[in-house]
PDB file of N, CA and C in Angstrom:
ATOM      1  N   MET A   1     -15.530  29.760-119.388  1.00  0.00           N
ATOM      2  CA  MET A   1     -16.625  29.306-119.071  1.00  0.00           C
ATOM      3  C   MET A   1     -17.245  28.375-120.388  1.00  0.00           C
ATOM      4  N   ILE A   2     -18.232  28.914-120.893  1.00  0.00           N
ATOM      5  CA  ILE A   2     -18.690  28.237-121.865  1.00  0.00           C
ATOM      6  C   ILE A   2     -17.700  27.521-123.169  1.00  0.00           C
ATOM      7  N   ARG A   3     -17.091  27.891-123.259  1.00  0.00           N
ATOM      8  CA  ARG A   3     -16.229  26.927-123.911  1.00  0.00           C
ATOM      9  C   ARG A   3     -15.657  25.696-123.448  1.00  0.00           C
ATOM     10  N   GLU A   4     -15.426  25.706-122.016  1.00  0.00           N
ATOM     11  CA  GLU A   4     -15.246  24.283-121.439  1.00  0.00           C
ATOM     12  C   GLU A   4     -16.360  23.929-121.402  1.00  0.00           C
ATOM     13  N   ILE A   5     -17.687  24.159-120.971  1.00  0.00           N
ATOM     14  CA  ILE A   5     -18.842  22.973-121.127  1.00  0.00           C
ATOM     15  C   ILE A   5     -19.144  22.872-123.071  1.00  0.00           C
ATOM     16  N   VAL A   6     -18.892  23.404-124.067  1.00  0.00           N
ATOM     17  CA  VAL A   6     -18.945  23.184-125.212  1.00  0.00           C
ATOM     18  C   VAL A   6     -18.350  22.555-125.626  1.00  0.00           C
ATOM     19  N   GLY A   7     -16.955  22.148-124.856  1.00  0.00           N
ATOM     20  CA  GLY A   7     -16.008  21.251-125.264  1.00  0.00           C
ATOM     21  C   GLY A   7     -16.009  20.170-124.720  1.00  0.00           C
ATOM     22  N   MET A   8     -16.438  19.865-123.482  1.00  0.00           N
ATOM     23  CA  MET A   8     -16.810  18.622-122.894  1.00  0.00           C
ATOM     24  C   MET A   8     -17.696  18.254-123.577  1.00  0.00           C
ATOM     25  N   VAL A   9     -18.596  19.031-124.218  1.00  0.00           N
ATOM     26  CA  VAL A   9     -19.758  18.252-124.610  1.00  0.00           C
ATOM     27  C   VAL A   9     -19.807  17.481-125.869  1.00  0.00           C
ATOM     28  N   PHE A  10     -18.927  17.536-126.824  1.00  0.00           N
ATOM     29  CA  PHE A  10     -18.415  17.467-127.693  1.00  0.00           C
ATOM     30  C   PHE A  10     -17.385  16.050-127.639  1.00  0.00           C
ATOM     31  N   ILE A  11     -16.120  16.149-126.448  1.00  0.00           N
ATOM     32  CA  ILE A  11     -16.017  14.874-126.164  1.00  0.00           C
ATOM     33  C   ILE A  11     -16.580  14.492-125.565  1.00  0.00           C
ATOM     34  N   SER A  12     -17.394  14.278-124.687  1.00  0.00           N
ATOM     35  CA  SER A  12     -18.527  13.453-124.553  1.00  0.00           C
ATOM     36  C   SER A  12     -18.970  12.319-125.264  1.00  0.00           C
ATOM     37  N   ILE A  13     -19.369  13.515-126.563  1.00  0.00           N
ATOM     38  CA  ILE A  13     -20.437  12.672-128.081  1.00  0.00           C
ATOM     39  C   ILE A  13     -19.482  11.288-128.536  1.00  0.00           C
ATOM     40  N   GLY A  14     -18.281  12.286-128.304  1.00  0.00           N
ATOM     41  CA  GLY A  14     -16.636  11.105-129.407  1.00  0.00           C
ATOM     42  C   GLY A  14     -17.172   9.893-128.484  1.00  0.00           C
ATOM     43  N   ILE A  15     -16.838  10.609-127.073  1.00  0.00           N
ATOM     44  CA  ILE A  15     -16.733   9.284-126.123  1.00  0.00           C
ATOM     45  C   ILE A  15     -18.080   8.049-126.309  1.00  0.00           C
ATOM     46  N   LEU A  16     -18.987   8.640-126.648  1.00  0.00           N
ATOM     47  CA  LEU A  16     -20.509   8.082-126.799  1.00  0.00           C
ATOM     48  C   LEU A  16     -19.840   7.071-128.343  1.00  0.00           C
ATOM     49  N   PHE A  17     -19.978   8.077-128.939  1.00  0.00           N
ATOM     50  CA  PHE A  17     -19.544   6.881-130.525  1.00  0.00           C
ATOM     51  C   PHE A  17     -19.221   5.898-130.285  1.00  0.00           C
ATOM     52  N   ASP A  18     -17.279   6.333-129.995  1.00  0.00           N
ATOM     53  CA  ASP A  18     -16.383   5.188-129.353  1.00  0.00           C
ATOM     54  C   ASP A  18     -16.859   3.911-128.511  1.00  0.00           C
ATOM     55  N   PHE A  19     -17.573   4.477-127.343  1.00  0.00           N
ATOM     56  CA  PHE A  19     -18.501   2.756-127.039  1.00  0.00           C
ATOM     57  C   PHE A  19     -19.688   2.483-128.247  1.00  0.00           C
ATOM     58  N   LEU A  20     -19.642   2.847-128.721  1.00  0.00           N
ATOM     59  CA  LEU A  20     -20.941   2.497-129.721  1.00  0.00           C
ATOM     60  C   LEU A  20     -20.495   1.714-130.696  1.00  0.00           C
ATOM     61  N   GLY A  21     -19.215   2.175-131.548  1.00  0.00           N
ATOM     62  CA  GLY A  21     -18.355   1.317-132.752  1.00  0.00           C
ATOM     63  C   GLY A  21     -17.667   0.176-131.279  1.00  0.00           C
ATOM     64  N   VAL A  22     -17.414   0.284-130.221  1.00  0.00           N
ATOM     65  CA  VAL A  22     -16.734  -1.529-129.981  1.00  0.00           C
ATOM     66  C   VAL A  22     -18.108  -2.141-129.459  1.00  0.00           C
ATOM     67  N   LEU A  23     -19.489  -1.138-128.904  1.00  0.00           N
ATOM     68  CA  LEU A  23     -20.423  -2.387-128.853  1.00  0.00           C
ATOM     69  C   LEU A  23     -20.371  -3.322-130.278  1.00  0.00           C
ATOM     70  N   GLY A  24     -20.494  -2.248-131.618  1.00  0.00           N
ATOM     71  CA  GLY A  24     -20.551  -2.923-132.763  1.00  0.00           C
ATOM     72  C   GLY A  24     -20.055  -3.956-133.092  1.00  0.00           C
ATOM     73  N   LEU A  25     -18.471  -3.749-133.113  1.00  0.00           N
ATOM     74  CA  LEU A  25     -17.195  -4.543-132.535  1.00  0.00           C
ATOM     75  C   LEU A  25     -18.118  -5.452-132.101  1.00  0.00           C
ATOM     76  N   VAL A  26     -18.945  -5.444-131.081  1.00  0.00           N
ATOM     77  CA  VAL A  26     -18.376  -6.986-130.389  1.00  0.00           C
ATOM     78  C   VAL A  26     -20.210  -7.829-130.882  1.00  0.00           C
ATOM     79  N   ARG A  27     -21.027  -6.880-130.893  1.00  0.00           N
ATOM     80  CA  ARG A  27     -22.303  -7.678-131.330  1.00  0.00           C
ATOM     81  C   ARG A  27     -22.485  -7.609-133.165  1.00  0.00           C
ATOM     82  N   LEU A  28     -22.164  -7.178-133.885  1.00  0.00           N
ATOM     83  CA  LEU A  28     -22.125  -7.228-135.003  1.00  0.00           C
ATOM     84  C   LEU A  28     -21.437  -9.028-135.936  1.00  0.00           C
ATOM     85  N   PRO A  29     -22.233  -9.638-136.768  1.00  0.00           N
ATOM     86  CA  PRO A  29     -21.936 -10.918-137.024  1.00  0.00           C
ATOM     87  C   PRO A  29     -20.537 -11.026-137.919  1.00  0.00           C
ATOM     88  N   ASP A  30     -20.552 -10.441-138.906  1.00  0.00           N
ATOM     89  CA  ASP A  30     -19.521 -10.486-140.045  1.00  0.00           C
ATOM     90  C   ASP A  30     -18.026  -9.148-140.225  1.00  0.00           C
ATOM     91  N   VAL A  31     -16.897 -10.060-140.384  1.00  0.00           N
ATOM     92  CA  VAL A  31     -16.155  -8.961-140.758  1.00  0.00           C
ATOM     93  C   VAL A  31     -15.822  -7.331-141.473  1.00  0.00           C
ATOM     94  N   TYR A  32     -17.716  -7.411-142.148  1.00  0.00           N
ATOM     95  CA  TYR A  32     -17.897  -6.348-143.226  1.00  0.00           C
ATOM     96  C   TYR A  32     -18.623  -5.459-142.210  1.00  0.00           C
ATOM     97  N   ASN A  33     -19.303  -5.804-141.609  1.00  0.00           N
ATOM     98  CA  ASN A  33     -20.073  -5.344-140.527  1.00  0.00           C
ATOM     99  C   ASN A  33     -19.192  -4.689-139.255  1.00  0.00           C
ATOM    100  N   ARG A  34     -18.034  -5.540-139.288  1.00  0.00           N
ATOM    101  CA  ARG A  34     -17.767  -4.862-137.589  1.00  0.00           C
ATOM    102  C   ARG A  34     -16.662  -3.843-138.432  1.00  0.00           C
ATOM    103  N   LEU A  35     -16.307  -4.048-139.556  1.00  0.00           N
ATOM    104  CA  LEU A  35     -15.963  -2.779-140.250  1.00  0.00           C
ATOM    105  C   LEU A  35     -16.404  -1.744-140.115  1.00  0.00           C
ATOM    106  N   GLN A  36     -17.222  -1.871-140.600  1.00  0.00           N
ATOM    107  CA  GLN A  36     -18.138  -0.316-140.634  1.00  0.00           C
ATOM    108  C   GLN A  36     -18.320  -0.330-139.216  1.00  0.00           C
ATOM    109  N   ALA A  37     -17.962  -0.288-138.228  1.00  0.00           N
ATOM    110  CA  ALA A  37     -18.682  -0.116-137.082  1.00  0.00           C
ATOM    111  C   ALA A  37     -17.498   0.772-136.765  1.00  0.00           C
ATOM    112  N   ALA A  38     -16.157  -0.202-136.337  1.00  0.00           N
ATOM    113  CA  ALA A  38     -14.833   0.538-136.453  1.00  0.00           C
ATOM    114  C   ALA A  38     -14.073   1.855-137.106  1.00  0.00           C
ATOM    115  N   THR A  39     -15.248   1.823-138.777  1.00  0.00           N
ATOM    116  CA  THR A  39     -14.703   2.805-138.960  1.00  0.00           C
ATOM    117  C   THR A  39     -15.493   3.964-138.609  1.00  0.00           C
ATOM    118  N   LYS A  40     -17.115   4.081-138.484  1.00  0.00           N
ATOM    119  CA  LYS A  40     -17.816   5.170-137.285  1.00  0.00           C
ATOM    120  C   LYS A  40     -17.201   5.145-136.642  1.00  0.00           C
ATOM    121  N   CYS A  41     -16.971   4.705-135.327  1.00  0.00           N
ATOM    122  CA  CYS A  41     -16.371   5.068-134.314  1.00  0.00           C
ATOM    123  C   CYS A  41     -15.589   5.882-134.352  1.00  0.00           C
ATOM    124  N   VAL A  42     -14.464   5.338-135.405  1.00  0.00           N
ATOM    125  CA  VAL A  42     -12.934   5.935-135.311  1.00  0.00           C
ATOM    126  C   VAL A  42     -13.213   7.466-136.314  1.00  0.00           C
ATOM    127  N   THR A  43     -13.643   7.195-136.685  1.00  0.00           N
ATOM    128  CA  THR A  43     -14.012   8.214-138.115  1.00  0.00           C
ATOM    129  C   THR A  43     -14.889   9.492-136.991  1.00  0.00           C
ATOM    130  N   PHE A  44     -16.021   9.353-136.112  1.00  0.00           N
ATOM    131  CA  PHE A  44     -16.976   9.979-135.439  1.00  0.00           C
ATOM    132  C   PHE A  44     -16.247  10.559-133.867  1.00  0.00           C
ATOM    133  N   GLY A  45     -15.579   9.475-133.041  1.00  0.00           N
ATOM    134  CA  GLY A  45     -15.404   8.975-131.619  1.00  0.00           C
ATOM    135  C   GLY A  45     -14.540  10.397-131.784  1.00  0.00           C
ATOM    136  N   SER A  46     -13.185   9.413-132.742  1.00  0.00           N
ATOM    137  CA  SER A  46     -12.226  10.468-132.041  1.00  0.00           C
ATOM    138  C   SER A  46     -12.672  12.135-132.902  1.00  0.00           C
ATOM    139  N   ALA A  47     -12.937  11.934-134.013  1.00  0.00           N
ATOM    140  CA  ALA A  47     -13.543  13.671-134.122  1.00  0.00           C
ATOM    141  C   ALA A  47     -13.649  14.682-133.455  1.00  0.00           C
ATOM    142  N   GLY A  48     -14.688  14.227-132.898  1.00  0.00           N
ATOM    143  CA  GLY A  48     -15.516  14.266-131.599  1.00  0.00           C
ATOM    144  C   GLY A  48     -15.164  14.476-130.626  1.00  0.00           C
ATOM    145  N   ILE A  49     -13.858  14.146-129.958  1.00  0.00           N
ATOM    146  CA  ILE A  49     -13.224  14.231-129.050  1.00  0.00           C
ATOM    147  C   ILE A  49     -11.765  15.071-129.558  1.00  0.00           C
ATOM    148  N   LEU A  50     -11.480  15.395-131.402  1.00  0.00           N
ATOM    149  CA  LEU A  50     -10.479  16.639-131.466  1.00  0.00           C
ATOM    150  C   LEU A  50     -10.705  17.609-131.325  1.00  0.00           C
ATOM    151  N   PHE A  51     -12.328  17.278-131.641  1.00  0.00           N
ATOM    152  CA  PHE A  51     -12.960  18.699-132.181  1.00  0.00           C
ATOM    153  C   PHE A  51     -13.466  19.270-130.017  1.00  0.00           C
ATOM    154  N   GLY A  52     -13.510  18.395-129.946  1.00  0.00           N
ATOM    155  CA  GLY A  52     -13.989  19.002-128.026  1.00  0.00           C
ATOM    156  C   GLY A  52     -12.640  19.766-127.405  1.00  0.00           C
ATOM    157  N   ILE A  53     -11.574  18.782-127.707  1.00  0.00           N
ATOM    158  CA  ILE A  53     -10.087  19.569-127.218  1.00  0.00           C
ATOM    159  C   ILE A  53      -9.908  21.028-128.099  1.00  0.00           C
ATOM    160  N   PHE A  54     -10.147  21.178-129.616  1.00  0.00           N
ATOM    161  CA  PHE A  54     -10.016  22.296-129.848  1.00  0.00           C
ATOM    162  C   PHE A  54     -10.936  23.600-129.777  1.00  0.00           C
ATOM    163  N   ILE A  55     -11.681  22.882-129.041  1.00  0.00           N
ATOM    164  CA  ILE A  55     -12.856  24.571-128.641  1.00  0.00           C
ATOM    165  C   ILE A  55     -12.126  24.712-126.855  1.00  0.00           C
ATOM    166  N   ILE A  56     -12.100  23.778-126.571  1.00  0.00           N
ATOM    167  CA  ILE A  56     -11.484  24.146-125.315  1.00  0.00           C
ATOM    168  C   ILE A  56     -10.016  25.013-125.148  1.00  0.00           C
ATOM    169  N   GLN A  57      -9.155  24.291-126.393  1.00  0.00           N
ATOM    170  CA  GLN A  57      -7.974  24.778-126.256  1.00  0.00           C
ATOM    171  C   GLN A  57      -7.582  26.466-127.123  1.00  0.00           C
ATOM    172  N   GLY A  58      -8.731  26.352-127.582  1.00  0.00           N
ATOM    173  CA  GLY A  58      -8.833  27.686-129.080  1.00  0.00           C
ATOM    174  C   GLY A  58      -8.161  27.709-130.030  1.00  0.00           C
ATOM    175  N   PHE A  59      -7.215  28.923-130.575  1.00  0.00           N
ATOM    176  CA  PHE A  59      -6.558  29.022-131.767  1.00  0.00           C
ATOM    177  C   PHE A  59      -5.303  28.624-131.503  1.00  0.00           C
ATOM    178  N   THR A  60      -4.627  28.075-130.800  1.00  0.00           N
ATOM    179  CA  THR A  60      -3.194  27.903-130.242  1.00  0.00           C
ATOM    180  C   THR A  60      -3.112  26.895-130.746  1.00  0.00           C
ATOM    181  N   SER A  61      -1.269  26.383-130.968  1.00  0.00           N
ATOM    182  CA  SER A  61      -0.946  25.673-131.616  1.00  0.00           C
ATOM    183  C   SER A  61      -1.637  24.290-131.615  1.00  0.00           C
ATOM    184  N   PHE A  62      -1.680  23.140-130.371  1.00  0.00           N
ATOM    185  CA  PHE A  62      -2.449  22.560-129.291  1.00  0.00           C
ATOM    186  C   PHE A  62      -3.685  22.331-129.995  1.00  0.00           C
ATOM    187  N   GLY A  63      -4.405  23.526-130.085  1.00  0.00           N
ATOM    188  CA  GLY A  63      -5.752  23.653-131.428  1.00  0.00           C
ATOM    189  C   GLY A  63      -5.674  23.109-132.278  1.00  0.00           C
ATOM    190  N   PHE A  64      -5.063  23.718-133.424  1.00  0.00           N
ATOM    191  CA  PHE A  64      -4.800  23.408-134.823  1.00  0.00           C
ATOM    192  C   PHE A  64      -4.146  21.949-135.063  1.00  0.00           C
ATOM    193  N   LYS A  65      -3.034  21.499-133.849  1.00  0.00           N
ATOM    194  CA  LYS A  65      -2.359  19.838-134.205  1.00  0.00           C
ATOM    195  C   LYS A  65      -3.998  19.249-133.907  1.00  0.00           C
ATOM    196  N   ALA A  66      -5.104  19.166-133.388  1.00  0.00           N
ATOM    197  CA  ALA A  66      -5.991  18.676-132.789  1.00  0.00           C
ATOM    198  C   ALA A  66      -7.141  18.988-134.435  1.00  0.00           C
ATOM    199  N   LEU A  67      -6.978  20.109-134.965  1.00  0.00           N
ATOM    200  CA  LEU A  67      -7.774  20.175-136.142  1.00  0.00           C
ATOM    201  C   LEU A  67      -6.840  18.875-137.186  1.00  0.00           C
ATOM    202  N   LEU A  68      -5.789  19.337-137.532  1.00  0.00           N
ATOM    203  CA  LEU A  68      -5.156  18.496-138.373  1.00  0.00           C
ATOM    204  C   LEU A  68      -5.015  17.030-138.566  1.00  0.00           C
ATOM    205  N   GLY A  69      -5.432  16.787-136.857  1.00  0.00           N
ATOM    206  CA  GLY A  69      -5.591  15.209-136.503  1.00  0.00           C
ATOM    207  C   GLY A  69      -7.184  14.432-136.977  1.00  0.00           C
ATOM    208  N   ILE A  70      -8.159  15.375-136.835  1.00  0.00           N
ATOM    209  CA  ILE A  70      -9.932  15.770-137.407  1.00  0.00           C
ATOM    210  C   ILE A  70      -9.431  15.534-138.951  1.00  0.00           C
ATOM    211  N   VAL A  71      -8.931  16.289-139.743  1.00  0.00           N
ATOM    212  CA  VAL A  71      -8.515  16.352-141.243  1.00  0.00           C
ATOM    213  C   VAL A  71      -8.410  15.338-141.602  1.00  0.00           C
ATOM    214  N   PHE A  72      -6.734  14.502-141.003  1.00  0.00           N
ATOM    215  CA  PHE A  72      -6.294  13.188-141.168  1.00  0.00           C
ATOM    216  C   PHE A  72      -6.695  12.359-141.105  1.00  0.00           C
ATOM    217  N   ILE A  73      -7.752  12.256-139.979  1.00  0.00           N
ATOM    218  CA  ILE A  73      -8.805  10.903-140.502  1.00  0.00           C
ATOM    219  C   ILE A  73     -10.344  11.208-140.837  1.00  0.00           C
ATOM    220  N   PHE A  74     -10.220  12.157-141.261  1.00  0.00           N
ATOM    221  CA  PHE A  74     -11.242  12.087-142.256  1.00  0.00           C
ATOM    222  C   PHE A  74     -11.176  11.724-143.660  1.00  0.00           C
ATOM    223  N   LEU A  75      -9.662  12.008-144.029  1.00  0.00           N
ATOM    224  CA  LEU A  75      -9.387  11.342-144.946  1.00  0.00           C
ATOM    225  C   LEU A  75      -8.443   9.856-145.297  1.00  0.00           C
ATOM    226  N   THR A  76      -8.382   9.172-143.838  1.00  0.00           N
ATOM    227  CA  THR A  76      -7.540   8.717-144.051  1.00  0.00           C
ATOM    228  C   THR A  76      -8.391   7.574-143.503  1.00  0.00           C
ATOM    229  N   SER A  77      -9.674   6.880-142.863  1.00  0.00           N
ATOM    230  CA  SER A  77     -10.201   6.215-142.599  1.00  0.00           C
ATOM    231  C   SER A  77     -11.490   5.472-143.571  1.00  0.00           C
ATOM    232  N   PRO A  78     -12.085   6.162-144.028  1.00  0.00           N
ATOM    233  CA  PRO A  78     -12.689   5.521-144.860  1.00  0.00           C
ATOM    234  C   PRO A  78     -12.009   4.912-146.500  1.00  0.00           C
ATOM    235  N   VAL A  79     -10.741   5.578-146.532  1.00  0.00           N
ATOM    236  CA  VAL A  79     -10.349   4.763-147.615  1.00  0.00           C
ATOM    237  C   VAL A  79      -9.362   3.545-146.687  1.00  0.00           C
ATOM    238  N   ALA A  80      -8.962   3.374-145.662  1.00  0.00           N
ATOM    239  CA  ALA A  80      -8.228   2.320-145.212  1.00  0.00           C
ATOM    240  C   ALA A  80      -9.376   1.247-144.943  1.00  0.00           C
ATOM    241  N   ALA A  81     -10.822   1.499-144.298  1.00  0.00           N
ATOM    242  CA  ALA A  81     -11.731   0.892-144.551  1.00  0.00           C
ATOM    243  C   ALA A  81     -12.071   0.372-145.904  1.00  0.00           C
ATOM    244  N   HIS A  82     -12.302   1.186-146.596  1.00  0.00           N
ATOM    245  CA  HIS A  82     -12.378   0.079-148.274  1.00  0.00           C
ATOM    246  C   HIS A  82     -11.551  -0.899-148.468  1.00  0.00           C
ATOM    247  N   ALA A  83      -9.927  -0.695-148.173  1.00  0.00           N
ATOM    248  CA  ALA A  83      -9.226  -1.131-148.373  1.00  0.00           C
ATOM    249  C   ALA A  83      -9.182  -3.103-147.518  1.00  0.00           C
ATOM    250  N   ILE A  84      -9.360  -2.496-146.677  1.00  0.00           N
ATOM    251  CA  ILE A  84      -9.715  -3.644-145.733  1.00  0.00           C
ATOM    252  C   ILE A  84     -10.631  -4.500-146.363  1.00  0.00           C
ATOM    253  N   ALA A  85     -11.787  -4.062-146.783  1.00  0.00           N
ATOM    254  CA  ALA A  85     -12.980  -4.584-146.615  1.00  0.00           C
ATOM    255  C   ALA A  85     -12.912  -5.060-148.159  1.00  0.00           C
ATOM    256  N   ARG A  86     -12.374  -4.486-149.173  1.00  0.00           N
ATOM    257  CA  ARG A  86     -11.492  -5.283-150.659  1.00  0.00           C
ATOM    258  C   ARG A  86     -10.831  -6.466-150.621  1.00  0.00           C
ATOM    259  N   ALA A  87      -9.830  -6.142-149.873  1.00  0.00           N
ATOM    260  CA  ALA A  87      -8.958  -7.154-149.152  1.00  0.00           C
ATOM    261  C   ALA A  87      -9.393  -8.389-148.379  1.00  0.00           C
ATOM    262  N   ALA A  88     -10.351  -8.227-147.827  1.00  0.00           N
ATOM    263  CA  ALA A  88     -11.244  -9.386-147.156  1.00  0.00           C
ATOM    264  C   ALA A  88     -11.880 -10.125-148.103  1.00  0.00           C
ATOM    265  N   HIS A  89     -12.919  -9.073-149.305  1.00  0.00           N
ATOM    266  CA  HIS A  89     -13.572  -9.797-149.875  1.00  0.00           C
ATOM    267  C   HIS A  89     -12.588 -10.772-151.637  1.00  0.00           C
ATOM    268  N   LYS A  90     -11.807  -9.771-151.310  1.00  0.00           N
ATOM    269  CA  LYS A  90     -10.394 -11.190-152.306  1.00  0.00           C
ATOM    270  C   LYS A  90     -10.660 -12.365-151.975  1.00  0.00           C
ATOM    271  N   SER A  91     -10.072 -11.785-150.469  1.00  0.00           N
ATOM    272  CA  SER A  91      -9.446 -13.490-149.696  1.00  0.00           C
ATOM    273  C   SER A  91     -10.684 -14.200-149.431  1.00  0.00           C
ATOM    274  N   ARG A  92     -11.678 -13.794-150.239  1.00  0.00           N
ATOM    275  CA  ARG A  92     -12.931 -15.087-150.138  1.00  0.00           C
ATOM    276  C   ARG A  92     -13.667 -15.212-148.535  1.00  0.00           C
ATOM    277  N   ILE A  93     -13.181 -14.107-147.248  1.00  0.00           N
ATOM    278  CA  ILE A  93     -13.910 -14.144-146.274  1.00  0.00           C
ATOM    279  C   ILE A  93     -15.321 -14.536-146.233  1.00  0.00           C
ATOM    280  N   PRO A  94     -16.448 -14.911-145.685  1.00  0.00           N
ATOM    281  CA  PRO A  94     -17.515 -14.913-145.599  1.00  0.00           C
ATOM    282  C   PRO A  94     -18.097 -13.801-145.758  1.00  0.00           C
ATOM    283  N   LEU A  95     -19.375 -13.623-146.007  1.00  0.00           N
ATOM    284  CA  LEU A  95     -20.433 -12.611-145.534  1.00  0.00           C
ATOM    285  C   LEU A  95     -21.181 -13.313-144.417  1.00  0.00           C
ATOM    286  N   THR A  96     -21.890 -13.061-143.353  1.00  0.00           N
ATOM    287  CA  THR A  96     -22.763 -13.603-142.775  1.00  0.00           C
ATOM    288  C   THR A  96     -24.499 -14.182-144.023  1.00  0.00           C
ATOM    289  N   PRO A  97     -24.939 -15.165-143.707  1.00  0.00           N
ATOM    290  CA  PRO A  97     -26.079 -15.624-144.053  1.00  0.00           C
ATOM    291  C   PRO A  97     -27.020 -14.360-143.847  1.00  0.00           C
ATOM    292  N   LEU A  98     -27.031 -13.493-143.734  1.00  0.00           N
ATOM    293  CA  LEU A  98     -28.207 -12.792-143.460  1.00  0.00           C
ATOM    294  C   LEU A  98     -28.215 -11.098-144.345  1.00  0.00           C
ATOM    295  N   THR A  99     -26.475 -11.114-144.952  1.00  0.00           N
ATOM    296  CA  THR A  99     -26.681 -10.091-145.778  1.00  0.00           C
ATOM    297  C   THR A  99     -27.432 -10.451-147.023  1.00  0.00           C
ATOM    298  N   VAL A 100     -27.842  -9.426-147.829  1.00  0.00           N
ATOM    299  CA  VAL A 100     -28.578  -9.285-148.873  1.00  0.00           C
ATOM    300  C   VAL A 100     -28.295  -8.882-150.399  1.00  0.00           C
ATOM    301  N   ILE A 101     -27.163  -8.035-150.359  1.00  0.00           N
ATOM    302  CA  ILE A 101     -26.721  -8.516-151.728  1.00  0.00           C
ATOM    303  C   ILE A 101     -25.038  -7.789-151.725  1.00  0.00           C
ATOM    304  N   ASP A 102     -24.372  -8.358-152.964  1.00  0.00           N
ATOM    305  CA  ASP A 102     -22.930  -8.316-152.412  1.00  0.00           C
ATOM    306  C   ASP A 102     -23.003  -7.723-153.820  1.00  0.00           C
ATOM    307  N   CYS A 103     -22.360  -6.331-153.500  1.00  0.00           N
ATOM    308  CA  CYS A 103     -22.019  -5.786-155.212  1.00  0.00           C
ATOM    309  C   CYS A 103     -20.385  -6.107-155.982  1.00  0.00           C
ATOM    310  N   TYR A 104     -19.347  -6.214-154.831  1.00  0.00           N
ATOM    311  CA  TYR A 104     -17.757  -6.998-155.517  1.00  0.00           C
ATOM    312  C   TYR A 104     -18.956  -8.274-156.235  1.00  0.00           C
ATOM    313  N   GLU A 105     -19.279  -8.937-155.980  1.00  0.00           N
ATOM    314  CA  GLU A 105     -19.382 -10.479-156.584  1.00  0.00           C
ATOM    315  C   GLU A 105     -20.459  -9.825-157.591  1.00  0.00           C
ATOM    316  N   ALA A 106     -21.079  -9.494-157.535  1.00  0.00           N
ATOM    317  CA  ALA A 106     -22.325  -8.702-158.628  1.00  0.00           C
ATOM    318  C   ALA A 106     -21.735  -7.893-159.595  1.00  0.00           C
ATOM    319  N   ASP A 107     -21.039  -7.344-159.197  1.00  0.00           N
ATOM    320  CA  ASP A 107     -19.201  -6.922-160.280  1.00  0.00           C
ATOM    321  C   ASP A 107     -18.574  -7.980-161.057  1.00  0.00           C
ATOM    322  N   HIS A 108     -18.694  -9.197-160.648  1.00  0.00           N
ATOM    323  CA  HIS A 108     -17.668 -10.112-161.011  1.00  0.00           C
ATOM    324  C   HIS A 108     -15.727  -9.840-160.434  1.00  0.00           C
ATOM    325  N   GLU A 109     -16.079  -9.054-159.318  1.00  0.00           N
ATOM    326  CA  GLU A 109     -14.774  -8.781-159.209  1.00  0.00           C
ATOM    327  C   GLU A 109     -13.788  -9.455-158.570  1.00  0.00           C
ATOM    328  N   LEU A 110     -13.995 -10.448-158.439  1.00  0.00           N
ATOM    329  CA  LEU A 110     -13.409 -11.615-157.702  1.00  0.00           C
ATOM    330  C   LEU A 110     -12.643 -12.503-159.214  1.00  0.00           C
ATOM    331  N   LYS A 111     -13.710 -12.159-160.268  1.00  0.00           N
ATOM    332  CA  LYS A 111     -12.931 -13.362-161.530  1.00  0.00           C
ATOM    333  C   LYS A 111     -11.807 -13.014-161.866  1.00  0.00           C
ATOM    334  N   ASP A 112     -10.909 -13.943-162.045  1.00  0.00           N
ATOM    335  CA  ASP A 112      -9.709 -13.939-162.657  1.00  0.00           C
ATOM    336  C   ASP A 112      -9.453 -13.320-163.929  1.00  0.00           C
ATOM    337  N   LYS A 113      -9.036 -11.573-164.518  1.00  0.00           N
ATOM    338  CA  LYS A 113      -8.575 -11.332-165.354  1.00  0.00           C
ATOM    339  C   LYS A 113      -7.309 -12.282-166.414  1.00  0.00           C
ATOM    340  N   VAL A 114      -8.362 -11.891-167.620  1.00  0.00           N
ATOM    341  CA  VAL A 114      -7.200 -12.794-168.585  1.00  0.00           C
ATOM    342  C   VAL A 114      -6.479 -11.742-169.392  1.00  0.00           C
ATOM    343  N   ASP A 115      -5.510 -11.830-169.904  1.00  0.00           N
ATOM    344  CA  ASP A 115      -4.976 -10.456-170.360  1.00  0.00           C
ATOM    345  C   ASP A 115      -4.889 -11.028-171.923  1.00  0.00           C
TER     346      ASP A 115
END
């Protein structure tokens, strides 16, 4: 009984993170901020849902698959978001005028390299 309640709490928190991430996709001004919101909602929202499923299912094969899903999400989501942001910056997709600092531009990331 208590496992189901705790599991549903984690699932509810995960759904809340996903909902807030969707709001961030709609409300934020440019692709870089939207990407940050999408990454957070996928990482924490989906991991929360999968952890809630693990708590409900326990140490079964289904529960271990949920844990493997969490590990996979934690390893791949930040890397994919970084690759997408870097590709967007190299494609010269403009930042919002409200952007305070552009570290890629400060590091001369976009300059063509001379061999």
